[in-house]
PDB file of N, CA and C in Angstrom:
ATOM      1  N   MET A   1     -97.002  30.668 -24.753  1.00  0.00           N
ATOM      2  CA  MET A   1     -95.594  30.181 -24.618  1.00  0.00           C
ATOM      3  C   MET A   1     -94.723  30.999 -25.527  1.00  0.00           C
ATOM      4  N   ILE A   2     -93.604  31.285 -25.164  1.00  0.00           N
ATOM      5  CA  ILE A   2     -92.652  32.116 -26.014  1.00  0.00           C
ATOM      6  C   ILE A   2     -91.512  31.251 -26.344  1.00  0.00           C
ATOM      7  N   SER A   3     -91.158  31.310 -27.532  1.00  0.00           N
ATOM      8  CA  SER A   3     -90.057  30.429 -28.183  1.00  0.00           C
ATOM      9  C   SER A   3     -88.972  31.432 -28.555  1.00  0.00           C
ATOM     10  N   VAL A   4     -87.789  31.007 -28.189  1.00  0.00           N
ATOM     11  CA  VAL A   4     -86.614  31.838 -28.566  1.00  0.00           C
ATOM     12  C   VAL A   4     -85.521  31.062 -29.251  1.00  0.00           C
ATOM     13  N   ASP A   5     -85.081  31.485 -30.366  1.00  0.00           N
ATOM     14  CA  ASP A   5     -84.031  30.817 -30.946  1.00  0.00           C
ATOM     15  C   ASP A   5     -82.735  31.579 -30.591  1.00  0.00           C
ATOM     16  N   ALA A   6     -81.958  31.016 -29.572  1.00  0.00           N
ATOM     17  CA  ALA A   6     -80.762  31.713 -29.080  1.00  0.00           C
ATOM     18  C   ALA A   6     -79.510  31.185 -29.758  1.00  0.00           C
ATOM     19  N   ARG A   7     -78.655  32.084 -30.277  1.00  0.00           N
ATOM     20  CA  ARG A   7     -77.488  31.569 -30.853  1.00  0.00           C
ATOM     21  C   ARG A   7     -76.299  32.396 -30.296  1.00  0.00           C
ATOM     22  N   GLY A   8     -75.338  31.733 -29.812  1.00  0.00           N
ATOM     23  CA  GLY A   8     -74.189  32.389 -29.387  1.00  0.00           C
ATOM     24  C   GLY A   8     -74.228  32.760 -27.862  1.00  0.00           C
ATOM     25  N   SER A   9     -73.405  33.437 -27.264  1.00  0.00           N
ATOM     26  CA  SER A   9     -73.561  33.923 -25.953  1.00  0.00           C
ATOM     27  C   SER A   9     -72.917  35.315 -25.744  1.00  0.00           C
ATOM     28  N   LEU A  10     -73.152  35.887 -24.766  1.00  0.00           N
ATOM     29  CA  LEU A  10     -72.705  37.296 -24.457  1.00  0.00           C
ATOM     30  C   LEU A  10     -72.148  37.130 -23.083  1.00  0.00           C
ATOM     31  N   ILE A  11     -70.857  37.377 -22.798  1.00  0.00           N
ATOM     32  CA  ILE A  11     -70.301  37.393 -21.514  1.00  0.00           C
ATOM     33  C   ILE A  11     -69.785  38.763 -21.132  1.00  0.00           C
ATOM     34  N   LEU A  12     -70.371  39.270 -20.017  1.00  0.00           N
ATOM     35  CA  LEU A  12     -69.875  40.672 -19.421  1.00  0.00           C
ATOM     36  C   LEU A  12     -69.458  40.610 -18.131  1.00  0.00           C
ATOM     37  N   ASN A  13     -68.665  41.537 -17.725  1.00  0.00           N
ATOM     38  CA  ASN A  13     -68.068  41.480 -16.361  1.00  0.00           C
ATOM     39  C   ASN A  13     -68.580  42.840 -15.628  1.00  0.00           C
ATOM     40  N   SER A  14     -69.589  43.498 -16.106  1.00  0.00           N
ATOM     41  CA  SER A  14     -70.025  44.716 -15.463  1.00  0.00           C
ATOM     42  C   SER A  14     -71.582  44.616 -15.323  1.00  0.00           C
ATOM     43  N   THR A  15     -72.037  44.901 -14.126  1.00  0.00           N
ATOM     44  CA  THR A  15     -73.395  44.910 -13.886  1.00  0.00           C
ATOM     45  C   THR A  15     -74.069  45.952 -14.772  1.00  0.00           C
ATOM     46  N   VAL A  16     -73.566  47.067 -14.918  1.00  0.00           N
ATOM     47  CA  VAL A  16     -73.969  48.169 -15.825  1.00  0.00           C
ATOM     48  C   VAL A  16     -74.224  47.774 -17.200  1.00  0.00           C
ATOM     49  N   ALA A  17     -73.215  46.936 -17.767  1.00  0.00           N
ATOM     50  CA  ALA A  17     -73.304  46.328 -19.125  1.00  0.00           C
ATOM     51  C   ALA A  17     -74.298  45.342 -19.171  1.00  0.00           C
ATOM     52  N   VAL A  18     -74.544  44.508 -18.240  1.00  0.00           N
ATOM     53  CA  VAL A  18     -75.580  43.529 -18.232  1.00  0.00           C
ATOM     54  C   VAL A  18     -76.970  44.103 -18.263  1.00  0.00           C
ATOM     55  N   ILE A  19     -77.116  45.094 -17.481  1.00  0.00           N
ATOM     56  CA  ILE A  19     -78.588  45.866 -17.423  1.00  0.00           C
ATOM     57  C   ILE A  19     -78.635  46.491 -18.779  1.00  0.00           C
ATOM     58  N   ARG A  20     -77.621  47.064 -19.274  1.00  0.00           N
ATOM     59  CA  ARG A  20     -77.862  47.786 -20.636  1.00  0.00           C
ATOM     60  C   ARG A  20     -78.267  46.744 -21.756  1.00  0.00           C
ATOM     61  N   ALA A  21     -77.440  45.592 -21.671  1.00  0.00           N
ATOM     62  CA  ALA A  21     -77.766  44.551 -22.680  1.00  0.00           C
ATOM     63  C   ALA A  21     -79.247  44.101 -22.526  1.00  0.00           C
ATOM     64  N   ALA A  22     -79.754  43.892 -21.300  1.00  0.00           N
ATOM     65  CA  ALA A  22     -81.095  43.406 -21.190  1.00  0.00           C
ATOM     66  C   ALA A  22     -82.090  44.498 -21.547  1.00  0.00           C
ATOM     67  N   ARG A  23     -81.781  45.702 -21.177  1.00  0.00           N
ATOM     68  CA  ARG A  23     -82.711  46.942 -21.672  1.00  0.00           C
ATOM     69  C   ARG A  23     -82.640  47.086 -23.245  1.00  0.00           C
ATOM     70  N   ASP A  24     -81.608  46.715 -23.787  1.00  0.00           N
ATOM     71  CA  ASP A  24     -81.432  46.730 -25.232  1.00  0.00           C
ATOM     72  C   ASP A  24     -82.166  45.450 -25.956  1.00  0.00           C
ATOM     73  N   GLY A  25     -82.586  44.522 -25.250  1.00  0.00           N
ATOM     74  CA  GLY A  25     -83.325  43.367 -25.761  1.00  0.00           C
ATOM     75  C   GLY A  25     -82.389  42.356 -26.164  1.00  0.00           C
ATOM     76  N   ILE A  26     -81.111  42.406 -25.934  1.00  0.00           N
ATOM     77  CA  ILE A  26     -80.207  41.344 -26.271  1.00  0.00           C
ATOM     78  C   ILE A  26     -80.432  39.947 -25.668  1.00  0.00           C
ATOM     79  N   GLY A  27     -81.027  39.888 -24.540  1.00  0.00           N
ATOM     80  CA  GLY A  27     -81.459  38.608 -23.983  1.00  0.00           C
ATOM     81  C   GLY A  27     -81.860  38.783 -22.433  1.00  0.00           C
ATOM     82  N   LEU A  28     -81.799  37.614 -21.743  1.00  0.00           N
ATOM     83  CA  LEU A  28     -82.052  37.645 -20.368  1.00  0.00           C
ATOM     84  C   LEU A  28     -80.778  37.667 -19.561  1.00  0.00           C
ATOM     85  N   SER A  29     -80.953  38.365 -18.248  1.00  0.00           N
ATOM     86  CA  SER A  29     -79.840  38.428 -17.280  1.00  0.00           C
ATOM     87  C   SER A  29     -80.274  37.830 -16.115  1.00  0.00           C
ATOM     88  N   CYS A  30     -79.276  37.493 -15.249  1.00  0.00           N
ATOM     89  CA  CYS A  30     -79.627  37.075 -13.906  1.00  0.00           C
ATOM     90  C   CYS A  30     -78.894  38.069 -12.971  1.00  0.00           C
ATOM     91  N   LEU A  31     -79.707  38.910 -12.294  1.00  0.00           N
ATOM     92  CA  LEU A  31     -79.220  39.947 -11.473  1.00  0.00           C
ATOM     93  C   LEU A  31     -79.800  39.949 -10.158  1.00  0.00           C
ATOM     94  N   VAL A  32     -79.188  40.544  -9.228  1.00  0.00           N
ATOM     95  CA  VAL A  32     -79.466  40.670  -7.822  1.00  0.00           C
ATOM     96  C   VAL A  32     -80.571  41.767  -7.828  1.00  0.00           C
ATOM     97  N   GLY A  33     -81.651  41.576  -7.072  1.00  0.00           N
ATOM     98  CA  GLY A  33     -82.769  42.574  -7.050  1.00  0.00           C
ATOM     99  C   GLY A  33     -82.538  43.943  -6.858  1.00  0.00           C
ATOM    100  N   PRO A  34     -81.734  44.283  -5.948  1.00  0.00           N
ATOM    101  CA  PRO A  34     -81.477  45.707  -5.647  1.00  0.00           C
ATOM    102  C   PRO A  34     -80.730  46.360  -6.899  1.00  0.00           C
ATOM    103  N   ASN A  35     -80.048  45.645  -7.684  1.00  0.00           N
ATOM    104  CA  ASN A  35     -79.359  46.174  -8.922  1.00  0.00           C
ATOM    105  C   ASN A  35     -80.432  46.642  -9.988  1.00  0.00           C
ATOM    106  N   VAL A  36     -81.628  46.015  -9.881  1.00  0.00           N
ATOM    107  CA  VAL A  36     -82.541  46.218 -11.008  1.00  0.00           C
ATOM    108  C   VAL A  36     -83.913  46.568 -10.382  1.00  0.00           C
ATOM    109  N   ASP A  37     -84.031  46.784  -9.182  1.00  0.00           N
ATOM    110  CA  ASP A  37     -85.445  47.179  -8.770  1.00  0.00           C
ATOM    111  C   ASP A  37     -85.848  48.518  -9.408  1.00  0.00           C
ATOM    112  N   ASP A  38     -85.064  49.509  -9.586  1.00  0.00           N
ATOM    113  CA  ASP A  38     -85.593  50.821 -10.214  1.00  0.00           C
ATOM    114  C   ASP A  38     -85.874  50.515 -11.634  1.00  0.00           C
ATOM    115  N   GLU A  39     -85.147  49.748 -12.387  1.00  0.00           N
ATOM    116  CA  GLU A  39     -85.403  49.356 -13.750  1.00  0.00           C
ATOM    117  C   GLU A  39     -86.636  48.698 -13.954  1.00  0.00           C
ATOM    118  N   ILE A  40     -86.948  47.847 -13.000  1.00  0.00           N
ATOM    119  CA  ILE A  40     -88.285  47.125 -13.080  1.00  0.00           C
ATOM    120  C   ILE A  40     -89.362  48.055 -12.743  1.00  0.00           C
ATOM    121  N   ALA A  41     -89.217  48.964 -11.662  1.00  0.00           N
ATOM    122  CA  ALA A  41     -90.294  49.811 -11.283  1.00  0.00           C
ATOM    123  C   ALA A  41     -90.569  50.823 -12.377  1.00  0.00           C
ATOM    124  N   GLU A  42     -89.633  51.255 -13.118  1.00  0.00           N
ATOM    125  CA  GLU A  42     -89.820  52.117 -14.133  1.00  0.00           C
ATOM    126  C   GLU A  42     -90.280  51.601 -15.528  1.00  0.00           C
ATOM    127  N   GLY A  43     -90.370  50.254 -15.465  1.00  0.00           N
ATOM    128  CA  GLY A  43     -90.834  49.501 -16.775  1.00  0.00           C
ATOM    129  C   GLY A  43     -89.862  49.240 -17.772  1.00  0.00           C
ATOM    130  N   HIS A  44     -88.548  49.625 -17.414  1.00  0.00           N
ATOM    131  CA  HIS A  44     -87.546  49.330 -18.446  1.00  0.00           C
ATOM    132  C   HIS A  44     -87.163  47.933 -18.614  1.00  0.00           C
ATOM    133  N   LEU A  45     -87.297  47.078 -17.497  1.00  0.00           N
ATOM    134  CA  LEU A  45     -87.054  45.734 -17.384  1.00  0.00           C
ATOM    135  C   LEU A  45     -88.321  45.019 -16.777  1.00  0.00           C
ATOM    136  N   ALA A  46     -88.449  43.738 -16.969  1.00  0.00           N
ATOM    137  CA  ALA A  46     -89.400  42.854 -16.338  1.00  0.00           C
ATOM    138  C   ALA A  46     -88.761  41.587 -15.657  1.00  0.00           C
ATOM    139  N   SER A  47     -89.200  41.390 -14.523  1.00  0.00           N
ATOM    140  CA  SER A  47     -88.720  40.214 -13.795  1.00  0.00           C
ATOM    141  C   SER A  47     -89.452  38.858 -14.386  1.00  0.00           C
ATOM    142  N   VAL A  48     -88.687  37.743 -14.653  1.00  0.00           N
ATOM    143  CA  VAL A  48     -89.244  36.588 -15.186  1.00  0.00           C
ATOM    144  C   VAL A  48     -88.758  35.534 -14.224  1.00  0.00           C
ATOM    145  N   LEU A  49     -89.463  34.275 -14.409  1.00  0.00           N
ATOM    146  CA  LEU A  49     -89.269  33.191 -13.514  1.00  0.00           C
ATOM    147  C   LEU A  49     -89.263  33.510 -12.121  1.00  0.00           C
ATOM    148  N   ASP A  50     -90.044  34.351 -11.688  1.00  0.00           N
ATOM    149  CA  ASP A  50     -90.165  34.700 -10.239  1.00  0.00           C
ATOM    150  C   ASP A  50     -90.590  33.461  -9.327  1.00  0.00           C
ATOM    151  N   ASP A  51     -91.135  32.464  -9.785  1.00  0.00           N
ATOM    152  CA  ASP A  51     -91.495  31.262  -9.181  1.00  0.00           C
ATOM    153  C   ASP A  51     -90.334  30.482  -8.646  1.00  0.00           C
ATOM    154  N   PHE A  52     -89.294  30.760  -9.413  1.00  0.00           N
ATOM    155  CA  PHE A  52     -88.013  29.994  -9.081  1.00  0.00           C
ATOM    156  C   PHE A  52     -86.825  30.884  -8.367  1.00  0.00           C
ATOM    157  N   ALA A  53     -87.346  32.186  -8.183  1.00  0.00           N
ATOM    158  CA  ALA A  53     -86.334  32.964  -7.351  1.00  0.00           C
ATOM    159  C   ALA A  53     -86.477  32.737  -5.871  1.00  0.00           C
ATOM    160  N   CYS A  54     -85.297  32.956  -5.313  1.00  0.00           N
ATOM    161  CA  CYS A  54     -85.227  32.869  -3.841  1.00  0.00           C
ATOM    162  C   CYS A  54     -84.587  34.080  -3.190  1.00  0.00           C
ATOM    163  N   GLU A  55     -84.975  34.257  -1.957  1.00  0.00           N
ATOM    164  CA  GLU A  55     -84.216  35.377  -1.285  1.00  0.00           C
ATOM    165  C   GLU A  55     -83.677  34.822  -0.034  1.00  0.00           C
ATOM    166  N   ARG A  56     -82.380  35.126  -0.071  1.00  0.00           N
ATOM    167  CA  ARG A  56     -81.613  34.586   1.155  1.00  0.00           C
ATOM    168  C   ARG A  56     -80.782  35.786   1.705  1.00  0.00           C
ATOM    169  N   PRO A  57     -80.710  35.929   2.998  1.00  0.00           N
ATOM    170  CA  PRO A  57     -79.948  37.094   3.601  1.00  0.00           C
ATOM    171  C   PRO A  57     -78.369  36.661   3.506  1.00  0.00           C
ATOM    172  N   GLY A  58     -77.572  37.563   3.517  1.00  0.00           N
ATOM    173  CA  GLY A  58     -76.208  37.353   3.522  1.00  0.00           C
ATOM    174  C   GLY A  58     -75.499  37.664   2.396  1.00  0.00           C
ATOM    175  N   TYR A  59     -74.152  37.335   2.286  1.00  0.00           N
ATOM    176  CA  TYR A  59     -73.408  37.585   1.097  1.00  0.00           C
ATOM    177  C   TYR A  59     -73.045  36.386   0.324  1.00  0.00           C
ATOM    178  N   PHE A  60     -73.008  36.379  -1.025  1.00  0.00           N
ATOM    179  CA  PHE A  60     -72.645  35.195  -1.774  1.00  0.00           C
ATOM    180  C   PHE A  60     -71.406  35.448  -2.553  1.00  0.00           C
ATOM    181  N   LEU A  61     -70.513  34.599  -2.578  1.00  0.00           N
ATOM    182  CA  LEU A  61     -69.164  34.649  -3.246  1.00  0.00           C
ATOM    183  C   LEU A  61     -69.157  33.625  -4.375  1.00  0.00           C
ATOM    184  N   TYR A  62     -69.022  34.079  -5.612  1.00  0.00           N
ATOM    185  CA  TYR A  62     -68.720  33.157  -6.727  1.00  0.00           C
ATOM    186  C   TYR A  62     -67.250  33.416  -7.021  1.00  0.00           C
ATOM    187  N   PHE A  63     -66.590  32.414  -7.261  1.00  0.00           N
ATOM    188  CA  PHE A  63     -65.160  32.310  -7.568  1.00  0.00           C
ATOM    189  C   PHE A  63     -64.763  31.045  -8.298  1.00  0.00           C
ATOM    190  N   ASN A  64     -63.769  31.049  -9.036  1.00  0.00           N
ATOM    191  CA  ASN A  64     -63.122  29.984  -9.541  1.00  0.00           C
ATOM    192  C   ASN A  64     -62.521  29.110  -8.659  1.00  0.00           C
ATOM    193  N   ARG A  65     -62.879  27.894  -8.507  1.00  0.00           N
ATOM    194  CA  ARG A  65     -62.211  26.985  -7.438  1.00  0.00           C
ATOM    195  C   ARG A  65     -60.724  27.056  -7.470  1.00  0.00           C
ATOM    196  N   ALA A  66     -60.309  27.065  -8.696  1.00  0.00           N
ATOM    197  CA  ALA A  66     -58.764  27.184  -8.812  1.00  0.00           C
ATOM    198  C   ALA A  66     -58.047  28.406  -8.031  1.00  0.00           C
ATOM    199  N   ASN A  67     -58.826  29.367  -7.944  1.00  0.00           N
ATOM    200  CA  ASN A  67     -58.395  30.633  -7.110  1.00  0.00           C
ATOM    201  C   ASN A  67     -58.553  30.454  -5.714  1.00  0.00           C
ATOM    202  N   ALA A  68     -59.198  29.480  -5.171  1.00  0.00           N
ATOM    203  CA  ALA A  68     -59.496  29.215  -3.769  1.00  0.00           C
ATOM    204  C   ALA A  68     -58.245  28.997  -2.907  1.00  0.00           C
ATOM    205  N   SER A  69     -57.102  28.511  -3.492  1.00  0.00           N
ATOM    206  CA  SER A  69     -55.944  28.236  -2.995  1.00  0.00           C
ATOM    207  C   SER A  69     -55.094  29.453  -2.880  1.00  0.00           C
ATOM    208  N   ILE A  70     -55.330  30.550  -3.502  1.00  0.00           N
ATOM    209  CA  ILE A  70     -54.541  31.738  -3.510  1.00  0.00           C
ATOM    210  C   ILE A  70     -54.917  32.468  -2.102  1.00  0.00           C
ATOM    211  N   LYS A  71     -53.812  32.807  -1.343  1.00  0.00           N
ATOM    212  CA  LYS A  71     -53.885  33.317   0.057  1.00  0.00           C
ATOM    213  C   LYS A  71     -54.923  34.346   0.373  1.00  0.00           C
ATOM    214  N   ALA A  72     -54.853  35.324  -0.596  1.00  0.00           N
ATOM    215  CA  ALA A  72     -55.993  36.530  -0.375  1.00  0.00           C
ATOM    216  C   ALA A  72     -57.261  36.025  -0.519  1.00  0.00           C
ATOM    217  N   VAL A  73     -57.438  35.157  -1.591  1.00  0.00           N
ATOM    218  CA  VAL A  73     -59.005  34.597  -1.869  1.00  0.00           C
ATOM    219  C   VAL A  73     -59.411  33.811  -0.570  1.00  0.00           C
ATOM    220  N   ARG A  74     -58.476  32.818  -0.207  1.00  0.00           N
ATOM    221  CA  ARG A  74     -58.673  31.940   0.865  1.00  0.00           C
ATOM    222  C   ARG A  74     -58.964  32.734   2.250  1.00  0.00           C
ATOM    223  N   THR A  75     -58.261  33.593   2.521  1.00  0.00           N
ATOM    224  CA  THR A  75     -58.324  34.478   3.623  1.00  0.00           C
ATOM    225  C   THR A  75     -59.748  35.210   3.647  1.00  0.00           C
ATOM    226  N   PHE A  76     -60.052  35.690   2.569  1.00  0.00           N
ATOM    227  CA  PHE A  76     -61.488  36.472   2.442  1.00  0.00           C
ATOM    228  C   PHE A  76     -62.601  35.416   2.728  1.00  0.00           C
ATOM    229  N   ILE A  77     -62.467  34.317   1.996  1.00  0.00           N
ATOM    230  CA  ILE A  77     -63.514  33.235   2.167  1.00  0.00           C
ATOM    231  C   ILE A  77     -63.675  32.883   3.812  1.00  0.00           C
ATOM    232  N   ASP A  78     -62.531  32.570   4.168  1.00  0.00           N
ATOM    233  CA  ASP A  78     -62.583  32.159   5.646  1.00  0.00           C
ATOM    234  C   ASP A  78     -63.105  33.250   6.496  1.00  0.00           C
ATOM    235  N   PHE A  79     -62.742  34.521   6.286  1.00  0.00           N
ATOM    236  CA  PHE A  79     -63.287  35.611   7.049  1.00  0.00           C
ATOM    237  C   PHE A  79     -64.866  35.651   6.892  1.00  0.00           C
ATOM    238  N   MET A  80     -65.221  35.549   5.636  1.00  0.00           N
ATOM    239  CA  MET A  80     -66.681  35.778   5.453  1.00  0.00           C
ATOM    240  C   MET A  80     -67.549  34.652   6.112  1.00  0.00           C
ATOM    241  N   ARG A  81     -66.939  33.422   6.000  1.00  0.00           N
ATOM    242  CA  ARG A  81     -67.653  32.053   6.641  1.00  0.00           C
ATOM    243  C   ARG A  81     -67.709  32.386   8.096  1.00  0.00           C
ATOM    244  N   GLY A  82     -66.693  32.988   8.766  1.00  0.00           N
ATOM    245  CA  GLY A  82     -66.676  33.114  10.193  1.00  0.00           C
ATOM    246  C   GLY A  82     -67.382  34.398  10.667  1.00  0.00           C
ATOM    247  N   SER A  83     -67.902  35.269   9.750  1.00  0.00           N
ATOM    248  CA  SER A  83     -68.462  36.440  10.189  1.00  0.00           C
ATOM    249  C   SER A  83     -70.044  36.343  10.473  1.00  0.00           C
ATOM    250  N   GLY A  84     -70.477  35.157  10.154  1.00  0.00           N
ATOM    251  CA  GLY A  84     -72.052  34.813  10.380  1.00  0.00           C
ATOM    252  C   GLY A  84     -72.869  35.647   9.437  1.00  0.00           C
ATOM    253  N   THR A  85     -72.323  35.805   8.253  1.00  0.00           N
ATOM    254  CA  THR A  85     -73.173  36.587   7.179  1.00  0.00           C
ATOM    255  C   THR A  85     -73.904  35.642   6.295  1.00  0.00           C
ATOM    256  N   GLY A  86     -73.641  34.388   6.444  1.00  0.00           N
ATOM    257  CA  GLY A  86     -74.429  33.548   5.620  1.00  0.00           C
ATOM    258  C   GLY A  86     -73.601  32.981   4.322  1.00  0.00           C
ATOM    259  N   CYS A  87     -72.435  33.460   4.290  1.00  0.00           N
ATOM    260  CA  CYS A  87     -71.564  33.051   3.149  1.00  0.00           C
ATOM    261  C   CYS A  87     -71.201  31.516   3.140  1.00  0.00           C
TER     262      CYS A  87
END
């Protein structure tokens, strides 16, 4: 069993920055497989909690609910839902 004393948080808005932080040992990250498959294969990163991971086809959209009423965001959400992509 591993025990980690975590203090504070790190918030990033770039996948590249998240990968770099994970590689530098700053902490764990939650990323989509294709973004880190090479890093894992080369031994730079390790996958953890695989028993809890799930694979689902399609696109996933994360957004602040407050923005859902913005016309451009609402139009995109409606389009993706109607496209049969699993959003």
